[in-house]
Amino acid sequence: MSVAAATRSRGVHPPGLGPFTLGGRLGPGFLGLVIGAVLWEMLARVWDQPFFPPFSAVLMRLFELVGSGLIIGNLINSLFNLFIGFTLSAVLGVTIGVLMGAYTKVEMALDVYVYAMLTAPSLVFAPVFFAIFGANDPRPSVIGVIVLYTIFIVIVNTVAGIRNVNRPLIEMGRSYLASDRQLFFKIILPAATPLIFAGLRLGMGRAVKGMINGEMFIAIVGLGAVVTSAGKRFDAEGVLAVLLLIIVVALICVKIVQIIDVRLTSWLPATSKKRRRA
């Protein structure tokens, strides 16, 4: 008797053969989204409030906005701001984090500022950006807000990654007469990469938040302008439609960072990868 036949005879379904085959293939995340959409639709139909439209109506409104051409141009504008802001945050954040993690004096000098800025509301610095960049071109101010939302969480995780490298690995490298450069690029940086990318994933979510907040409250551009315009018209369907689009953008961006993370940390043992996913 085959393994599959034996398991079926005992009522046990192998992976992909059970009653939840669709969920097993598409993942629990997809099922969670479907259940959330169904609950949204049912609650909206039962509650019947104008500020809480059904999911189907929001979806139709999103298709209307895309068809009208209002979304595409603003989406491209927002994604450009997000790309520039996140790239600057990643480069500067990892560089500063490495310096703070490698040199105690640098960490002592910058640590208080990093944690102060991490907890401070970034939007309060909008007047500073206007004073520096001017009000004629809003893009630098929006990018500045994205950087403030993102860079400090990247710094904190990078410092933790550098500081948590196993000392025996470094001592082993020194016993093989590795130079400081070789120790950094061959041992310290690869070992710190998982925590660095954890910070980048968190930073990407904060970057999307900073992008929308900057576009809504500092400069009325991009998707933030669409949300603001719909809100002024009390268009709940339009606001929620753009919100859905923003969530999709955030999920895709975080997934891209996660794919790069998996590529660069393919050397990790399978047990370590399971612990990271957990």
Protein backbone atom coordinates (compact mmCIF):
# COMPACT_ATOMS: atom_id res chain seq x y z
CA MET A 1 0.00 0.00 0.00
CA SER A 2 1.34 3.42 -0.94
CA VAL A 3 1.88 6.20 1.60
CA ALA A 4 -0.89 8.32 0.05
CA ALA A 5 -3.34 5.39 0.15
CA ALA A 6 -2.42 4.58 3.73
CA THR A 7 -2.92 8.13 4.89
CA ARG A 8 -6.25 8.39 3.07
CA SER A 9 -7.44 5.18 4.67
CA ARG A 10 -6.75 6.69 8.11
CA GLY A 11 -8.45 9.97 7.20
CA VAL A 12 -5.16 11.87 7.05
CA HIS A 13 -4.62 14.09 4.02
CA PRO A 14 -1.07 14.65 2.73
CA PRO A 15 -0.12 18.23 1.82
CA GLY A 16 -2.08 19.37 -1.23
CA LEU A 17 -4.55 16.44 -1.09
CA GLY A 18 -6.80 17.54 1.75
CA PRO A 19 -10.10 19.39 1.68
CA PHE A 20 -8.26 22.73 1.98
CA THR A 21 -6.15 22.23 -1.13
CA LEU A 22 -6.83 25.75 -2.41
CA GLY A 23 -5.79 27.28 0.90
CA GLY A 24 -2.71 25.07 1.07
CA ARG A 25 -1.55 26.23 -2.36
CA LEU A 26 -2.39 29.90 -2.07
CA GLY A 27 -1.50 30.21 1.59
CA PRO A 28 -3.38 31.29 4.69
CA GLY A 29 -2.72 34.93 3.83
CA PHE A 30 -4.95 34.68 0.76
CA LEU A 31 -7.71 32.96 2.75
CA GLY A 32 -7.43 35.67 5.39
CA LEU A 33 -7.92 38.36 2.74
CA VAL A 34 -10.96 36.55 1.30
CA ILE A 35 -12.53 36.12 4.74
CA GLY A 36 -11.84 39.77 5.56
CA ALA A 37 -13.48 40.91 2.30
CA VAL A 38 -16.55 38.73 2.92
CA LEU A 39 -16.92 40.00 6.50
CA TRP A 40 -16.53 43.59 5.27
CA GLU A 41 -19.25 43.04 2.66
CA MET A 42 -21.64 41.43 5.15
CA LEU A 43 -21.13 44.03 7.90
CA ALA A 44 -21.55 46.91 5.46
CA ARG A 45 -24.78 45.41 4.07
CA VAL A 46 -26.21 44.83 7.56
CA TRP A 47 -25.03 48.11 9.11
CA ASP A 48 -25.96 50.18 6.02
CA GLN A 49 -24.03 53.35 6.87
CA PRO A 50 -22.92 55.83 4.18
CA PHE A 51 -19.39 56.13 5.62
CA PHE A 52 -18.91 52.33 5.57
CA PRO A 53 -19.71 51.16 2.01
CA PRO A 54 -19.59 47.48 1.02
CA PHE A 55 -16.37 45.99 -0.28
CA SER A 56 -17.90 45.42 -3.72
CA ALA A 57 -18.84 49.10 -4.01
CA VAL A 58 -15.33 50.17 -2.97
CA LEU A 59 -13.84 47.81 -5.53
CA MET A 60 -16.07 49.19 -8.27
CA ARG A 61 -15.10 52.72 -7.26
CA LEU A 62 -11.43 51.78 -7.53
CA PHE A 63 -11.98 50.47 -11.05
CA GLU A 64 -13.76 53.72 -11.94
CA LEU A 65 -10.86 55.80 -10.63
CA VAL A 66 -8.36 53.71 -12.57
CA GLY A 67 -10.47 53.93 -15.71
CA SER A 68 -10.76 57.71 -15.41
CA GLY A 69 -6.96 58.04 -15.42
CA LEU A 70 -6.91 59.67 -11.99
CA ILE A 71 -4.98 56.85 -10.30
CA ILE A 72 -2.18 55.92 -12.70
CA GLY A 73 -0.40 59.27 -12.89
CA ASN A 74 -0.69 59.91 -9.16
CA LEU A 75 0.43 56.35 -8.39
CA ILE A 76 3.55 56.80 -10.51
CA ASN A 77 4.27 60.09 -8.75
CA SER A 78 3.86 58.49 -5.32
CA LEU A 79 5.98 55.45 -6.21
CA PHE A 80 8.77 57.72 -7.43
CA ASN A 81 8.73 59.58 -4.11
CA LEU A 82 8.68 56.26 -2.26
CA PHE A 83 11.59 54.84 -4.26
CA ILE A 84 13.81 57.89 -3.74
CA GLY A 85 12.95 58.20 -0.04
CA PHE A 86 13.38 54.53 0.75
CA THR A 87 16.63 54.24 -1.22
CA LEU A 88 18.13 57.20 0.64
CA SER A 89 16.93 55.75 3.94
CA ALA A 90 18.37 52.31 3.19
CA VAL A 91 21.79 53.59 2.11
CA LEU A 92 22.17 56.17 4.88
CA GLY A 93 20.52 53.99 7.53
CA VAL A 94 22.68 50.94 6.89
CA THR A 95 25.86 53.06 6.67
CA ILE A 96 25.17 54.92 9.93
CA GLY A 97 24.05 51.69 11.61
CA VAL A 98 27.24 49.89 10.60
CA LEU A 99 29.37 52.74 11.94
CA MET A 100 27.44 52.80 15.22
CA GLY A 101 27.63 49.04 15.56
CA ALA A 102 31.34 48.86 14.77
CA TYR A 103 32.55 51.87 16.78
CA THR A 104 31.39 52.42 20.34
CA LYS A 105 32.24 56.13 20.33
CA VAL A 106 30.06 56.71 17.25
CA GLU A 107 27.19 54.90 18.93
CA MET A 108 27.60 56.93 22.13
CA ALA A 109 27.57 60.14 20.10
CA LEU A 110 24.52 59.34 17.93
CA ASP A 111 22.45 56.93 20.01
CA VAL A 112 20.40 59.58 21.84
CA TYR A 113 19.57 61.39 18.59
CA VAL A 114 18.54 58.20 16.80
CA TYR A 115 16.11 57.12 19.52
CA ALA A 116 14.80 60.65 19.97
CA MET A 117 14.00 60.92 16.26
CA LEU A 118 12.59 57.40 16.20
CA THR A 119 9.94 58.35 18.76
CA ALA A 120 9.29 61.90 17.54
CA PRO A 121 6.35 62.53 15.14
CA SER A 122 7.96 63.11 11.78
CA LEU A 123 5.27 65.45 10.45
CA VAL A 124 6.28 68.16 12.91
CA PHE A 125 9.41 68.71 10.80
CA ALA A 126 7.34 69.81 7.80
CA PRO A 127 8.05 73.54 8.40
CA VAL A 128 11.77 72.73 8.47
CA PHE A 129 11.54 71.05 5.07
CA PHE A 130 9.56 73.97 3.66
CA ALA A 131 12.21 76.38 4.96
CA ILE A 132 15.01 74.30 3.41
CA PHE A 133 13.48 73.30 0.08
CA GLY A 134 10.83 75.96 -0.40
CA ALA A 135 7.13 75.54 -1.13
CA ASN A 136 7.34 75.70 -4.93
CA ASP A 137 8.43 72.07 -5.41
CA PRO A 138 6.76 69.76 -2.86
CA ARG A 139 8.68 66.62 -3.83
CA PRO A 140 11.80 67.22 -1.66
CA SER A 141 9.60 67.83 1.38
CA VAL A 142 7.66 64.60 0.82
CA ILE A 143 10.90 62.65 0.32
CA GLY A 144 12.25 64.21 3.51
CA VAL A 145 9.25 62.97 5.48
CA ILE A 146 9.67 59.47 4.00
CA VAL A 147 13.32 59.46 5.08
CA LEU A 148 12.42 60.54 8.61
CA TYR A 149 9.80 57.82 8.87
CA THR A 150 12.19 55.13 7.63
CA ILE A 151 15.85 55.76 8.37
CA PHE A 152 15.89 55.42 12.16
CA ILE A 153 14.28 51.98 12.32
CA VAL A 154 16.85 50.85 9.74
CA ILE A 155 19.67 52.28 11.87
CA VAL A 156 18.45 50.56 15.03
CA ASN A 157 18.17 47.14 13.37
CA THR A 158 21.53 47.50 11.64
CA VAL A 159 23.24 48.33 14.93
CA ALA A 160 21.59 45.29 16.54
CA GLY A 161 22.72 43.10 13.65
CA ILE A 162 26.33 44.23 13.87
CA ARG A 163 26.45 43.96 17.67
CA ASN A 164 24.84 40.49 17.74
CA VAL A 165 27.38 38.79 15.48
CA ASN A 166 28.72 35.72 17.31
CA ARG A 167 32.09 36.47 18.84
CA PRO A 168 33.43 32.95 18.07
CA LEU A 169 32.98 33.66 14.34
CA ILE A 170 35.13 36.77 14.62
CA GLU A 171 37.74 34.99 16.73
CA MET A 172 37.87 32.19 14.18
CA GLY A 173 38.49 34.73 11.42
CA ARG A 174 41.29 36.32 13.43
CA SER A 175 42.86 32.92 14.06
CA TYR A 176 43.08 32.52 10.28
CA LEU A 177 44.84 35.92 10.09
CA ALA A 178 41.91 37.66 8.38
CA SER A 179 42.32 41.41 8.00
CA ASP A 180 39.77 43.87 9.38
CA ARG A 181 38.37 44.35 5.88
CA GLN A 182 38.01 40.58 5.40
CA LEU A 183 36.39 40.21 8.83
CA PHE A 184 33.83 42.86 8.00
CA PHE A 185 32.89 41.74 4.48
CA LYS A 186 33.25 37.99 4.96
CA ILE A 187 31.95 37.48 8.51
CA ILE A 188 30.35 40.49 10.21
CA LEU A 189 28.24 41.89 7.36
CA PRO A 190 26.87 38.51 6.17
CA ALA A 191 26.02 37.53 9.75
CA ALA A 192 24.24 40.85 10.33
CA THR A 193 22.29 40.73 7.04
CA PRO A 194 19.14 39.02 8.44
CA LEU A 195 18.61 41.71 11.09
CA ILE A 196 19.47 44.46 8.60
CA PHE A 197 16.76 43.22 6.24
CA ALA A 198 14.31 42.92 9.12
CA GLY A 199 14.85 46.66 9.59
CA LEU A 200 14.42 47.28 5.87
CA ARG A 201 11.10 45.40 5.83
CA LEU A 202 9.86 47.44 8.78
CA GLY A 203 11.24 50.55 7.13
CA MET A 204 9.36 49.88 3.91
CA GLY A 205 6.04 49.80 5.76
CA ARG A 206 6.91 53.05 7.52
CA ALA A 207 8.04 54.55 4.20
CA VAL A 208 4.61 53.97 2.64
CA LYS A 209 3.01 55.58 5.71
CA GLY A 210 5.38 58.54 5.42
CA MET A 211 4.64 58.86 1.72
CA ILE A 212 0.88 59.13 2.26
CA ASN A 213 1.16 61.41 5.29
CA GLY A 214 3.55 63.68 3.43
CA GLU A 215 1.33 63.83 0.37
CA MET A 216 -1.82 64.47 2.42
CA PHE A 217 -0.62 66.94 5.05
CA ILE A 218 2.46 68.61 3.56
CA ALA A 219 1.99 68.72 -0.21
CA ILE A 220 -1.28 67.71 -1.84
CA VAL A 221 0.22 65.47 -4.53
CA GLY A 222 0.13 61.83 -5.60
CA LEU A 223 -2.25 59.35 -4.00
CA GLY A 224 -2.45 61.62 -0.97
CA ALA A 225 -4.08 64.26 -3.17
CA VAL A 226 -6.68 61.73 -4.38
CA VAL A 227 -7.50 60.75 -0.78
CA THR A 228 -7.74 64.39 0.30
CA SER A 229 -9.98 65.30 -2.62
CA ALA A 230 -12.30 62.34 -1.96
CA GLY A 231 -12.45 63.20 1.74
CA LYS A 232 -13.48 66.78 1.04
CA ARG A 233 -16.37 65.44 -1.08
CA PHE A 234 -17.33 62.95 1.68
CA ASP A 235 -16.72 60.21 -0.87
CA ALA A 236 -16.23 57.24 1.47
CA GLU A 237 -16.01 54.79 -1.42
CA GLY A 238 -13.24 56.85 -3.04
CA VAL A 239 -11.26 57.16 0.20
CA LEU A 240 -11.46 53.44 0.93
CA ALA A 241 -10.68 52.59 -2.71
CA VAL A 242 -7.41 54.53 -2.56
CA LEU A 243 -6.73 53.02 0.87
CA LEU A 244 -7.03 49.54 -0.65
CA LEU A 245 -4.58 50.54 -3.37
CA ILE A 246 -2.13 51.90 -0.79
CA ILE A 247 -2.31 48.63 1.18
CA VAL A 248 -1.63 46.63 -1.99
CA VAL A 249 1.35 48.88 -2.81
CA ALA A 250 2.72 48.41 0.72
CA LEU A 251 2.33 44.63 0.59
CA ILE A 252 4.04 44.41 -2.81
CA CYS A 253 6.93 46.63 -1.71
CA VAL A 254 7.48 44.65 1.49
CA LYS A 255 7.35 41.42 -0.54
CA ILE A 256 10.03 42.74 -2.91
CA VAL A 257 12.31 43.49 0.05
CA GLN A 258 11.58 40.03 1.44
CA ILE A 259 12.49 38.38 -1.89
CA ILE A 260 15.81 40.24 -1.95
CA ASP A 261 16.35 39.18 1.66
CA VAL A 262 15.81 35.51 0.79
CA ARG A 263 18.20 35.79 -2.14
CA LEU A 264 20.98 37.34 -0.08
CA THR A 265 20.54 35.03 2.92
CA SER A 266 20.21 31.76 1.03
CA TRP A 267 23.28 30.51 2.91
CA LEU A 268 21.35 30.43 6.19
CA PRO A 269 20.57 26.94 7.57
CA ALA A 270 16.99 25.75 7.17
CA THR A 271 16.47 25.82 10.95
CA SER A 272 17.45 29.49 11.11
CA LYS A 273 15.05 30.34 8.30
CA LYS A 274 12.19 28.58 10.13
CA ARG A 275 12.96 30.55 13.29
CA ARG A 276 12.96 33.82 11.32
CA ARG A 277 9.58 33.01 9.73
CA ALA A 278 8.19 32.11 13.14
